[in-house]
C-alpha atoms as a PDB file:
ATOM      1  CA  MET A   1      58.222 155.991 105.453  1.00  0.00           C
ATOM      2  CA  THR A   2      59.314 157.246 102.018  1.00  0.00           C
ATOM      3  CA  ASP A   3      60.749 155.400  99.026  1.00  0.00           C
ATOM      4  CA  ARG A   4      63.893 156.013  96.868  1.00  0.00           C
ATOM      5  CA  GLN A   5      62.146 158.993  94.943  1.00  0.00           C
ATOM      6  CA  GLY A   6      61.257 160.561  98.307  1.00  0.00           C
ATOM      7  CA  ARG A   7      57.636 159.523  98.164  1.00  0.00           C
ATOM      8  CA  ASP A   8      55.955 158.920 101.346  1.00  0.00           C
ATOM      9  CA  THR A   9      54.579 155.295 100.995  1.00  0.00           C
ATOM     10  CA  GLY A  10      52.083 155.372 103.612  1.00  0.00           C
ATOM     11  CA  ALA A  11      50.532 158.417 102.428  1.00  0.00           C
ATOM     12  CA  LEU A  12      50.379 157.263  98.911  1.00  0.00           C
ATOM     13  CA  ALA A  13      48.401 154.136  99.857  1.00  0.00           C
ATOM     14  CA  ASN A  14      45.774 156.953 100.830  1.00  0.00           C
ATOM     15  CA  PRO A  15      46.672 160.014  99.290  1.00  0.00           C
ATOM     16  CA  SER A  16      43.571 161.892 100.469  1.00  0.00           C
ATOM     17  CA  ALA A  17      44.354 161.532 103.918  1.00  0.00           C
ATOM     18  CA  VAL A  18      47.567 163.890 103.363  1.00  0.00           C
ATOM     19  CA  GLY A  19      47.790 167.580 102.779  1.00  0.00           C
ATOM     20  CA  LEU A  20      50.574 169.416 101.623  1.00  0.00           C
ATOM     21  CA  VAL A  21      51.390 173.131 102.994  1.00  0.00           C
ATOM     22  CA  ALA A  22      54.034 175.568 101.839  1.00  0.00           C
ATOM     23  CA  VAL A  23      55.800 178.313 103.968  1.00  0.00           C
ATOM     24  CA  ILE A  24      56.957 180.734 101.212  1.00  0.00           C
ATOM     25  CA  VAL A  25      59.571 183.404 102.742  1.00  0.00           C
ATOM     26  CA  ALA A  26      60.984 186.511 100.923  1.00  0.00           C
ATOM     27  CA  ALA A  27      62.990 189.378 102.379  1.00  0.00           C
ATOM     28  CA  THR A  28      61.905 192.926 100.764  1.00  0.00           C
ATOM     29  CA  ASP A  29      63.083 196.259 101.843  1.00  0.00           C
ATOM     30  CA  GLY A  30      64.331 194.719 105.389  1.00  0.00           C
ATOM     31  CA  GLU A  31      61.343 192.974 106.417  1.00  0.00           C
ATOM     32  CA  PRO A  32      60.488 189.132 106.650  1.00  0.00           C
ATOM     33  CA  ARG A  33      57.279 188.196 104.391  1.00  0.00           C
ATOM     34  CA  ALA A  34      55.434 185.113 104.258  1.00  0.00           C
ATOM     35  CA  LEU A  35      53.031 184.320 100.925  1.00  0.00           C
ATOM     36  CA  THR A  36      49.616 183.953 102.296  1.00  0.00           C
ATOM     37  CA  VAL A  37      46.341 183.115 100.364  1.00  0.00           C
ATOM     38  CA  GLN A  38      42.777 183.707 101.489  1.00  0.00           C
ATOM     39  CA  VAL A  39      40.913 180.905 102.976  1.00  0.00           C
ATOM     40  CA  PRO A  40      36.876 180.489 103.187  1.00  0.00           C
ATOM     41  CA  GLY A  41      36.013 180.128 106.615  1.00  0.00           C
ATOM     42  CA  GLN A  42      32.839 179.477 108.452  1.00  0.00           C
ATOM     43  CA  ALA A  43      29.807 181.858 107.979  1.00  0.00           C
ATOM     44  CA  GLY A  44      31.050 182.815 104.783  1.00  0.00           C
ATOM     45  CA  GLY A  45      34.022 184.576 106.118  1.00  0.00           C
ATOM     46  CA  ARG A  46      37.605 184.306 104.895  1.00  0.00           C
ATOM     47  CA  SER A  47      40.965 184.142 106.643  1.00  0.00           C
ATOM     48  CA  ASP A  48      44.623 184.174 105.876  1.00  0.00           C
ATOM     49  CA  GLY A  49      46.090 180.775 105.141  1.00  0.00           C
ATOM     50  CA  LEU A  50      49.400 179.253 103.506  1.00  0.00           C
ATOM     51  CA  PRO A  51      49.272 177.851 100.209  1.00  0.00           C
ATOM     52  CA  ALA A  52      48.275 174.526 100.586  1.00  0.00           C
ATOM     53  CA  GLY A  53      46.476 171.317  99.063  1.00  0.00           C
ATOM     54  CA  PRO A  54      45.874 167.743  99.147  1.00  0.00           C
ATOM     55  CA  LEU A  55      48.220 164.851  97.982  1.00  0.00           C
ATOM     56  CA  VAL A  56      46.505 163.379  94.672  1.00  0.00           C
ATOM     57  CA  PRO A  57      47.783 160.161  92.502  1.00  0.00           C
ATOM     58  CA  GLU A  58      49.163 162.256  89.957  1.00  0.00           C
ATOM     59  CA  HIS A  59      51.892 163.994  92.154  1.00  0.00           C
ATOM     60  CA  PRO A  60      54.773 161.604  91.902  1.00  0.00           C
ATOM     61  CA  THR A  61      56.517 162.968  95.032  1.00  0.00           C
ATOM     62  CA  LEU A  62      55.566 165.070  97.795  1.00  0.00           C
ATOM     63  CA  GLU A  63      57.555 167.743  96.745  1.00  0.00           C
ATOM     64  CA  ARG A  64      56.421 167.814  93.252  1.00  0.00           C
ATOM     65  CA  GLY A  65      52.956 167.889  94.756  1.00  0.00           C
ATOM     66  CA  LEU A  66      53.660 170.821  96.652  1.00  0.00           C
ATOM     67  CA  ARG A  67      55.226 173.076  93.921  1.00  0.00           C
ATOM     68  CA  ALA A  68      52.010 172.087  91.650  1.00  0.00           C
ATOM     69  CA  TRP A  69      49.498 173.252  94.497  1.00  0.00           C
ATOM     70  CA  VAL A  70      51.779 176.555  94.969  1.00  0.00           C
ATOM     71  CA  GLU A  71      51.919 177.498  91.114  1.00  0.00           C
ATOM     72  CA  ARG A  72      48.338 176.798  90.961  1.00  0.00           C
ATOM     73  CA  GLN A  73      47.189 179.072  93.731  1.00  0.00           C
ATOM     74  CA  THR A  74      49.632 181.916  93.750  1.00  0.00           C
ATOM     75  CA  HIS A  75      51.584 181.643  90.281  1.00  0.00           C
ATOM     76  CA  GLN A  76      54.998 181.179  92.488  1.00  0.00           C
ATOM     77  CA  ARG A  77      57.663 179.255  91.014  1.00  0.00           C
ATOM     78  CA  LEU A  78      59.607 177.568  93.919  1.00  0.00           C
ATOM     79  CA  GLY A  79      63.209 177.423  94.027  1.00  0.00           C
ATOM     80  CA  TYR A  80      65.059 176.237  97.166  1.00  0.00           C
ATOM     81  CA  VAL A  81      62.530 173.853  99.157  1.00  0.00           C
ATOM     82  CA  GLU A  82      63.086 171.798 102.076  1.00  0.00           C
ATOM     83  CA  GLN A  83      60.948 169.613 104.207  1.00  0.00           C
ATOM     84  CA  LEU A  84      60.010 171.117 107.487  1.00  0.00           C
ATOM     85  CA  TYR A  85      57.814 169.019 109.491  1.00  0.00           C
ATOM     86  CA  THR A  86      54.948 166.295 109.360  1.00  0.00           C
ATOM     87  CA  PHE A  87      52.015 167.516 111.526  1.00  0.00           C
ATOM     88  CA  GLY A  88      49.888 164.524 112.376  1.00  0.00           C
ATOM     89  CA  ASP A  89      48.430 165.367 115.856  1.00  0.00           C
ATOM     90  CA  ARG A  90      45.099 163.542 116.589  1.00  0.00           C
ATOM     91  CA  ASP A  91      43.655 166.900 117.407  1.00  0.00           C
ATOM     92  CA  ARG A  92      45.215 169.085 114.931  1.00  0.00           C
ATOM     93  CA  GLN A  93      42.895 171.454 112.903  1.00  0.00           C
ATOM     94  CA  GLY A  94      42.915 170.116 109.320  1.00  0.00           C
ATOM     95  CA  ASP A  95      44.083 171.565 106.061  1.00  0.00           C
ATOM     96  CA  GLU A  96      40.318 171.324 104.505  1.00  0.00           C
ATOM     97  CA  PRO A  97      37.392 172.886 106.114  1.00  0.00           C
ATOM     98  CA  HIS A  98      36.028 169.338 106.991  1.00  0.00           C
ATOM     99  CA  GLY A  99      39.175 167.973 108.454  1.00  0.00           C
ATOM    100  CA  LEU A 100      39.873 165.411 105.845  1.00  0.00           C
ATOM    101  CA  HIS A 101      43.500 165.256 106.439  1.00  0.00           C
ATOM    102  CA  THR A 102      44.861 163.078 109.011  1.00  0.00           C
ATOM    103  CA  LEU A 103      48.343 164.738 108.643  1.00  0.00           C
ATOM    104  CA  SER A 104      49.945 167.499 106.712  1.00  0.00           C
ATOM    105  CA  VAL A 105      53.353 167.531 105.440  1.00  0.00           C
ATOM    106  CA  ALA A 106      55.123 171.209 105.474  1.00  0.00           C
ATOM    107  CA  TYR A 107      57.801 172.462 103.426  1.00  0.00           C
ATOM    108  CA  LEU A 108      59.643 175.576 103.617  1.00  0.00           C
ATOM    109  CA  ALA A 109      60.731 177.552 100.344  1.00  0.00           C
ATOM    110  CA  LEU A 110      63.095 180.688 100.122  1.00  0.00           C
ATOM    111  CA  VAL A 111      62.373 183.093  96.995  1.00  0.00           C
ATOM    112  CA  ARG A 112      62.620 186.552  96.085  1.00  0.00           C
ATOM    113  CA  GLU A 113      59.452 188.412  96.380  1.00  0.00           C
ATOM    114  CA  VAL A 114      57.512 188.771  92.813  1.00  0.00           C
ATOM    115  CA  ARG A 115      53.794 190.030  92.456  1.00  0.00           C
ATOM    116  CA  PRO A 116      51.676 187.039  93.426  1.00  0.00           C
ATOM    117  CA  GLY A 117      48.838 186.101  91.236  1.00  0.00           C
ATOM    118  CA  GLY A 118      46.114 183.047  90.860  1.00  0.00           C
ATOM    119  CA  PRO A 119      42.890 182.386  92.168  1.00  0.00           C
ATOM    120  CA  ALA A 120      43.527 182.249  95.654  1.00  0.00           C
ATOM    121  CA  GLU A 121      44.005 185.882  96.263  1.00  0.00           C
ATOM    122  CA  ALA A 122      47.614 185.735  97.350  1.00  0.00           C
ATOM    123  CA  SER A 123      49.235 188.426  99.025  1.00  0.00           C
ATOM    124  CA  TRP A 124      52.650 188.848 100.742  1.00  0.00           C
ATOM    125  CA  ARG A 125      52.504 189.608 104.527  1.00  0.00           C
ATOM    126  CA  ASN A 126      55.226 190.478 107.168  1.00  0.00           C
ATOM    127  CA  TRP A 127      55.354 187.474 109.196  1.00  0.00           C
ATOM    128  CA  TYR A 128      55.570 189.440 112.511  1.00  0.00           C
ATOM    129  CA  ARG A 129      51.839 190.362 111.501  1.00  0.00           C
ATOM    130  CA  TYR A 130      51.065 186.824 112.976  1.00  0.00           C
ATOM    131  CA  LEU A 131      53.649 186.609 115.794  1.00  0.00           C
ATOM    132  CA  PRO A 132      54.434 189.935 117.002  1.00  0.00           C
ATOM    133  CA  TRP A 133      56.187 188.898 120.225  1.00  0.00           C
ATOM    134  CA  GLU A 134      59.033 187.747 118.191  1.00  0.00           C
ATOM    135  CA  ASP A 135      60.307 191.026 116.725  1.00  0.00           C
ATOM    136  CA  PHE A 136      62.828 192.875 119.076  1.00  0.00           C
ATOM    137  CA  ARG A 137      64.267 194.885 116.193  1.00  0.00           C
ATOM    138  CA  ASP A 138      62.738 197.962 117.648  1.00  0.00           C
ATOM    139  CA  GLY A 139      62.989 196.900 121.644  1.00  0.00           C
ATOM    140  CA  ARG A 140      61.117 194.714 123.576  1.00  0.00           C
ATOM    141  CA  PRO A 141      57.787 194.148 121.879  1.00  0.00           C
ATOM    142  CA  PRO A 142      54.880 195.854 123.506  1.00  0.00           C
ATOM    143  CA  ALA A 143      52.514 192.694 123.366  1.00  0.00           C
ATOM    144  CA  LEU A 144      55.096 191.014 125.708  1.00  0.00           C
ATOM    145  CA  ALA A 145      54.237 192.599 129.220  1.00  0.00           C
ATOM    146  CA  GLU A 146      50.569 191.593 128.864  1.00  0.00           C
ATOM    147  CA  ILE A 147      51.490 187.975 127.426  1.00  0.00           C
ATOM    148  CA  GLU A 148      53.665 187.056 130.194  1.00  0.00           C
ATOM    149  CA  ALA A 149      51.325 188.436 132.662  1.00  0.00           C
ATOM    150  CA  LYS A 150      48.894 186.105 131.371  1.00  0.00           C
ATOM    151  CA  LEU A 151      51.229 183.150 131.099  1.00  0.00           C
ATOM    152  CA  LEU A 152      52.417 183.912 134.764  1.00  0.00           C
ATOM    153  CA  ALA A 153      48.538 183.843 135.949  1.00  0.00           C
ATOM    154  CA  TRP A 154      48.018 180.444 134.052  1.00  0.00           C
ATOM    155  CA  ALA A 155      50.840 178.838 135.604  1.00  0.00           C
ATOM    156  CA  GLY A 156      49.833 179.755 138.929  1.00  0.00           C
ATOM    157  CA  GLU A 157      46.316 179.021 138.722  1.00  0.00           C
ATOM    158  CA  THR A 158      46.824 175.392 139.443  1.00  0.00           C
ATOM    159  CA  ALA A 159      46.724 173.843 142.825  1.00  0.00           C
ATOM    160  CA  ASP A 160      49.304 171.127 141.831  1.00  0.00           C
ATOM    161  CA  PRO A 161      52.786 172.347 143.033  1.00  0.00           C
ATOM    162  CA  LYS A 162      54.316 169.927 140.481  1.00  0.00           C
ATOM    163  CA  LEU A 163      52.331 170.975 137.708  1.00  0.00           C
ATOM    164  CA  ARG A 164      52.704 174.639 138.595  1.00  0.00           C
ATOM    165  CA  ARG A 165      56.662 173.957 138.627  1.00  0.00           C
ATOM    166  CA  ARG A 166      56.492 172.402 135.181  1.00  0.00           C
ATOM    167  CA  ARG A 167      54.685 175.339 133.757  1.00  0.00           C
ATOM    168  CA  GLU A 168      57.127 177.900 135.357  1.00  0.00           C
ATOM    169  CA  ASP A 169      60.274 175.766 133.932  1.00  0.00           C
ATOM    170  CA  ARG A 170      58.569 176.131 130.205  1.00  0.00           C
ATOM    171  CA  LEU A 171      57.761 179.778 130.823  1.00  0.00           C
ATOM    172  CA  SER A 172      61.677 180.165 131.817  1.00  0.00           C
ATOM    173  CA  LEU A 173      62.707 178.140 128.721  1.00  0.00           C
ATOM    174  CA  THR A 174      60.238 179.339 126.066  1.00  0.00           C
ATOM    175  CA  PHE A 175      59.714 183.128 126.995  1.00  0.00           C
ATOM    176  CA  GLY A 176      62.752 183.877 129.345  1.00  0.00           C
ATOM    177  CA  LEU A 177      61.031 184.597 132.283  1.00  0.00           C
ATOM    178  CA  PHE A 178      62.747 184.095 135.753  1.00  0.00           C
ATOM    179  CA  ASP A 179      66.070 184.282 134.329  1.00  0.00           C
ATOM    180  CA  GLY A 180      65.789 186.545 131.297  1.00  0.00           C
ATOM    181  CA  ALA A 181      67.285 184.035 128.522  1.00  0.00           C
ATOM    182  CA  TRP A 182      65.474 184.448 125.231  1.00  0.00           C
ATOM    183  CA  ASN A 183      66.152 181.798 122.763  1.00  0.00           C
ATOM    184  CA  GLU A 184      65.039 183.295 119.303  1.00  0.00           C
ATOM    185  CA  GLU A 185      64.852 179.510 117.735  1.00  0.00           C
ATOM    186  CA  ARG A 186      62.424 178.607 120.205  1.00  0.00           C
ATOM    187  CA  VAL A 187      59.410 180.276 117.911  1.00  0.00           C
ATOM    188  CA  LEU A 188      57.241 177.009 117.865  1.00  0.00           C
ATOM    189  CA  GLU A 189      57.472 176.243 121.766  1.00  0.00           C
ATOM    190  CA  ARG A 190      56.323 179.849 122.362  1.00  0.00           C
ATOM    191  CA  TYR A 191      53.162 179.458 119.921  1.00  0.00           C
ATOM    192  CA  GLU A 192      52.341 175.871 121.558  1.00  0.00           C
ATOM    193  CA  LEU A 193      52.402 177.361 125.158  1.00  0.00           C
ATOM    194  CA  LEU A 194      50.246 180.315 124.191  1.00  0.00           C
ATOM    195  CA  PHE A 195      47.952 177.580 122.617  1.00  0.00           C
ATOM    196  CA  GLU A 196      48.057 175.330 125.699  1.00  0.00           C
ATOM    197  CA  ALA A 197      47.300 178.451 127.850  1.00  0.00           C
ATOM    198  CA  GLY A 198      44.459 179.363 125.696  1.00  0.00           C
ATOM    199  CA  LEU A 199      45.740 183.036 125.212  1.00  0.00           C
ATOM    200  CA  ILE A 200      45.289 182.656 121.307  1.00  0.00           C
ATOM    201  CA  PRO A 201      41.958 182.801 119.334  1.00  0.00           C
ATOM    202  CA  GLU A 202      43.093 179.367 117.542  1.00  0.00           C
ATOM    203  CA  ALA A 203      42.584 177.594 121.188  1.00  0.00           C
ATOM    204  CA  GLN A 204      39.031 178.415 121.316  1.00  0.00           C
ATOM    205  CA  GLY A 205      38.077 175.014 120.112  1.00  0.00           C
ATOM    206  CA  GLN A 206      39.997 173.240 122.884  1.00  0.00           C
ATOM    207  CA  SER A 207      40.477 175.334 125.948  1.00  0.00           C
ATOM    208  CA  GLY A 208      37.795 178.183 125.357  1.00  0.00           C
ATOM    209  CA  ALA A 209      39.766 180.606 127.556  1.00  0.00           C
ATOM    210  CA  ALA A 210      40.862 182.829 124.472  1.00  0.00           C
ATOM    211  CA  THR A 211      38.586 185.798 122.955  1.00  0.00           C
ATOM    212  CA  PRO A 212      38.720 187.596 119.516  1.00  0.00           C
ATOM    213  CA  GLY A 213      40.161 190.551 121.140  1.00  0.00           C
ATOM    214  CA  ASP A 214      43.260 188.589 122.133  1.00  0.00           C
ATOM    215  CA  GLY A 215      44.458 188.765 118.710  1.00  0.00           C
ATOM    216  CA  ALA A 216      45.631 192.082 119.083  1.00  0.00           C
ATOM    217  CA  VAL A 217      48.228 191.219 121.785  1.00  0.00           C
ATOM    218  CA  THR A 218      49.084 188.004 120.248  1.00  0.00           C
ATOM    219  CA  GLY A 219      48.614 188.534 116.358  1.00  0.00           C
ATOM    220  CA  GLN A 220      46.366 187.791 113.768  1.00  0.00           C
ATOM    221  CA  PRO A 221      45.085 184.305 113.587  1.00  0.00           C
ATOM    222  CA  MET A 222      45.622 182.081 110.438  1.00  0.00           C
ATOM    223  CA  ALA A 223      43.187 179.426 109.147  1.00  0.00           C
ATOM    224  CA  PHE A 224      43.609 175.920 110.607  1.00  0.00           C
ATOM    225  CA  ASP A 225      46.909 175.300 112.242  1.00  0.00           C
ATOM    226  CA  HIS A 226      49.072 177.481 109.738  1.00  0.00           C
ATOM    227  CA  ARG A 227      50.280 179.856 112.443  1.00  0.00           C
ATOM    228  CA  ARG A 228      51.687 176.745 113.943  1.00  0.00           C
ATOM    229  CA  VAL A 229      53.350 175.793 110.744  1.00  0.00           C
ATOM    230  CA  LEU A 230      54.640 179.539 110.182  1.00  0.00           C
ATOM    231  CA  ALA A 231      56.103 179.336 113.796  1.00  0.00           C
ATOM    232  CA  THR A 232      57.816 176.334 113.056  1.00  0.00           C
ATOM    233  CA  ALA A 233      59.224 177.668 109.857  1.00  0.00           C
ATOM    234  CA  ILE A 234      60.615 180.989 111.417  1.00  0.00           C
ATOM    235  CA  GLY A 235      62.192 178.800 114.151  1.00  0.00           C
ATOM    236  CA  ARG A 236      63.873 176.460 111.441  1.00  0.00           C
ATOM    237  CA  LEU A 237      65.038 179.371 109.548  1.00  0.00           C
ATOM    238  CA  ARG A 238      66.399 181.220 112.523  1.00  0.00           C
ATOM    239  CA  GLY A 239      68.567 178.119 113.499  1.00  0.00           C
ATOM    240  CA  LYS A 240      69.668 177.567 109.774  1.00  0.00           C
ATOM    241  CA  ILE A 241      71.082 180.846 108.825  1.00  0.00           C
ATOM    242  CA  LYS A 242      73.582 180.304 111.858  1.00  0.00           C
ATOM    243  CA  TYR A 243      75.134 177.448 110.090  1.00  0.00           C
ATOM    244  CA  ARG A 244      74.005 177.364 106.410  1.00  0.00           C
ATOM    245  CA  PRO A 245      74.410 180.281 103.983  1.00  0.00           C
ATOM    246  CA  VAL A 246      70.459 180.014 103.100  1.00  0.00           C
ATOM    247  CA  VAL A 247      69.833 183.883 103.612  1.00  0.00           C
ATOM    248  CA  PHE A 248      71.474 184.416 100.010  1.00  0.00           C
ATOM    249  CA  GLU A 249      68.494 182.571  98.517  1.00  0.00           C
ATOM    250  CA  LEU A 250      66.756 185.768  99.591  1.00  0.00           C
ATOM    251  CA  MET A 251      69.042 188.109  98.305  1.00  0.00           C
ATOM    252  CA  PRO A 252      69.418 189.817  94.716  1.00  0.00           C
ATOM    253  CA  PRO A 253      72.582 188.841  92.672  1.00  0.00           C
ATOM    254  CA  THR A 254      74.297 191.759  94.195  1.00  0.00           C
ATOM    255  CA  PHE A 255      73.605 193.666  97.267  1.00  0.00           C
ATOM    256  CA  THR A 256      75.370 195.961  99.931  1.00  0.00           C
ATOM    257  CA  LEU A 257      76.473 194.573 103.210  1.00  0.00           C
ATOM    258  CA  PHE A 258      73.674 196.817 105.071  1.00  0.00           C
ATOM    259  CA  GLN A 259      71.060 195.219 102.811  1.00  0.00           C
ATOM    260  CA  LEU A 260      72.197 191.660 104.054  1.00  0.00           C
ATOM    261  CA  GLN A 261      72.479 192.852 107.764  1.00  0.00           C
ATOM    262  CA  ARG A 262      68.976 194.096 107.498  1.00  0.00           C
ATOM    263  CA  THR A 263      67.578 190.875 105.968  1.00  0.00           C
ATOM    264  CA  VAL A 264      69.408 188.711 108.886  1.00  0.00           C
ATOM    265  CA  GLU A 265      67.925 191.131 111.277  1.00  0.00           C
ATOM    266  CA  ALA A 266      64.913 190.750 109.733  1.00  0.00           C
ATOM    267  CA  LEU A 267      64.678 186.858 109.926  1.00  0.00           C
ATOM    268  CA  SER A 268      66.398 186.678 113.596  1.00  0.00           C
ATOM    269  CA  GLY A 269      64.178 189.396 115.269  1.00  0.00           C
ATOM    270  CA  THR A 270      67.009 191.529 116.618  1.00  0.00           C
ATOM    271  CA  ASN A 271      69.413 194.223 115.974  1.00  0.00           C
ATOM    272  CA  LEU A 272      72.999 193.262 115.077  1.00  0.00           C
ATOM    273  CA  HIS A 273      76.369 195.285 115.773  1.00  0.00           C
ATOM    274  CA  LYS A 274      77.306 196.604 112.458  1.00  0.00           C
ATOM    275  CA  GLN A 275      81.001 196.342 112.856  1.00  0.00           C
ATOM    276  CA  ASN A 276      80.639 193.082 114.343  1.00  0.00           C
ATOM    277  CA  PHE A 277      78.596 191.584 111.343  1.00  0.00           C
ATOM    278  CA  ARG A 278      80.873 192.791 108.780  1.00  0.00           C
ATOM    279  CA  ARG A 279      84.025 191.424 110.637  1.00  0.00           C
ATOM    280  CA  LEU A 280      81.869 188.142 110.666  1.00  0.00           C
ATOM    281  CA  VAL A 281      81.050 188.066 106.984  1.00  0.00           C
ATOM    282  CA  ALA A 282      84.488 188.896 106.401  1.00  0.00           C
ATOM    283  CA  GLN A 283      85.969 186.083 108.522  1.00  0.00           C
ATOM    284  CA  GLN A 284      83.670 183.511 106.843  1.00  0.00           C
ATOM    285  CA  GLY A 285      84.517 184.728 103.350  1.00  0.00           C
ATOM    286  CA  LEU A 286      80.793 184.625 102.720  1.00  0.00           C
ATOM    287  CA  VAL A 287      80.733 187.587  99.964  1.00  0.00           C
ATOM    288  CA  GLU A 288      82.985 189.042  97.521  1.00  0.00           C
ATOM    289  CA  GLU A 289      83.060 192.613  96.074  1.00  0.00           C
ATOM    290  CA  THR A 290      81.732 193.395  92.467  1.00  0.00           C
ATOM    291  CA  GLU A 291      82.732 196.346  90.774  1.00  0.00           C
ATOM    292  CA  GLY A 292      79.209 198.023  91.271  1.00  0.00           C
ATOM    293  CA  VAL A 293      78.186 200.547  93.419  1.00  0.00           C
ATOM    294  CA  THR A 294      74.774 202.052  94.485  1.00  0.00           C
ATOM    295  CA  SER A 295      73.575 205.065  92.820  1.00  0.00           C
ATOM    296  CA  GLY A 296      70.402 207.551  93.104  1.00  0.00           C
ATOM    297  CA  ALA A 297      70.299 207.027  97.098  1.00  0.00           C
ATOM    298  CA  ALA A 298      71.149 209.366  99.695  1.00  0.00           C
ATOM    299  CA  GLY A 299      74.487 209.344 101.345  1.00  0.00           C
ATOM    300  CA  ARG A 300      77.624 208.029 100.074  1.00  0.00           C
ATOM    301  CA  PRO A 301      77.584 205.150  97.281  1.00  0.00           C
ATOM    302  CA  ALA A 302      77.974 201.871  98.851  1.00  0.00           C
ATOM    303  CA  ARG A 303      79.706 198.799  97.301  1.00  0.00           C
ATOM    304  CA  LEU A 304      78.106 196.147  95.848  1.00  0.00           C
ATOM    305  CA  VAL A 305      78.898 192.635  96.834  1.00  0.00           C
ATOM    306  CA  ARG A 306      77.775 189.045  95.898  1.00  0.00           C
ATOM    307  CA  PHE A 307      77.477 185.859  97.673  1.00  0.00           C
ATOM    308  CA  ARG A 308      80.928 183.788  97.295  1.00  0.00           C
ATOM    309  CA  ARG A 309      79.716 180.207  96.376  1.00  0.00           C
ATOM    310  CA  GLU A 310      83.061 178.670  96.737  1.00  0.00           C
ATOM    311  CA  VAL A 311      82.491 179.117 100.743  1.00  0.00           C
ATOM    312  CA  LEU A 312      80.148 175.943 100.386  1.00  0.00           C
ATOM    313  CA  LEU A 313      83.371 173.820  99.476  1.00  0.00           C
ATOM    314  CA  GLU A 314      85.607 175.520 102.095  1.00  0.00           C
ATOM    315  CA  ARG A 315      83.766 174.708 105.472  1.00  0.00           C
ATOM    316  CA  PRO A 316      81.249 172.821 106.581  1.00  0.00           C
ATOM    317  CA  ALA A 317      79.226 175.230 108.410  1.00  0.00           C
ATOM    318  CA  PRO A 318      79.478 178.860 106.832  1.00  0.00           C
ATOM    319  CA  GLY A 319      76.702 180.850 108.471  1.00  0.00           C
ATOM    320  CA  PHE A 320      75.941 183.935 110.823  1.00  0.00           C
ATOM    321  CA  ARG A 321      76.727 183.536 114.302  1.00  0.00           C
ATOM    322  CA  LEU A 322      74.267 186.070 115.633  1.00  0.00           C
ATOM    323  CA  ARG A 323      75.482 188.373 118.445  1.00  0.00           C
ATOM    324  CA  PRO A 324      72.623 191.147 119.049  1.00  0.00           C
ATOM    325  CA  ALA A 325      73.856 194.504 119.312  1.00  0.00           C
ATOM    326  CA  LYS A 326      71.928 194.812 122.895  1.00  0.00           C
ATOM    327  CA  ARG A 327      70.390 191.818 124.672  1.00  0.00           C
ATOM    328  CA  PRO A 328      66.536 192.056 124.633  1.00  0.00           C
ATOM    329  CA  GLY A 329      65.159 193.242 127.700  1.00  0.00           C
END
């Protein structure tokens, strides 16, 4: 429950039980990037994690607490921020080494990349480093063949026909097995299925089925449950760009249509037909031309455009209705 200032009243009664986690996204040179920090782990090791910290009494709201932690750890000032999800599973890995938090409130932030700083050794990372099966821009991800074979084996290992049928239904819904229907927004569902099947290193604590070598196929692990948080953010953003022009939060003041298309492709993990994309942008009235053109690059100069903010007042859902150039096979 929140009060009129957006504060979680139950959390504020026991602030040490609440963690704040930020998925900070940028798109640079046609690649989707998330801001990560180095998190101490067991035996002196370190792993990639997301900027995070506990809610403390001096934070008047959850969002202001999040902004304070991000700036302290990475020197990154946040612009567009929205609450993503509250993670409160009883068996979730906490956001502190000793699992002090009973729940974490995650936020999604969209920024333009700047060089990070701060004490947490922050770095921008391509988010497909952590979820490689989600990137179809160069065709079907090589990791999917092995992942699907293991998932089919997992579905068939039970002697209960009803349970086997439920597992097969989930494989169809999430990975498009049996019917080939891949929904790019079901990022979290795919990650959670891999976790339940014990096919990723983070699942070792519960199922014991994964081995460290599995990370070569299913991506680099992250600290605590931060890869689950990242998957949630990717799915949310992929859905949101279809009906809200949030992608322009990631673009510079002026840009080319080619740069815009590459950014949308990077976020969605799929290639788009060039002429169809440009026709959609024009029909939606999302951009307007400027007097500027590109210079110093190979090929013909391209006209620079900018986001046309009036579109926010003209229609309720101005976004990109994605139509891949070729359906992922």
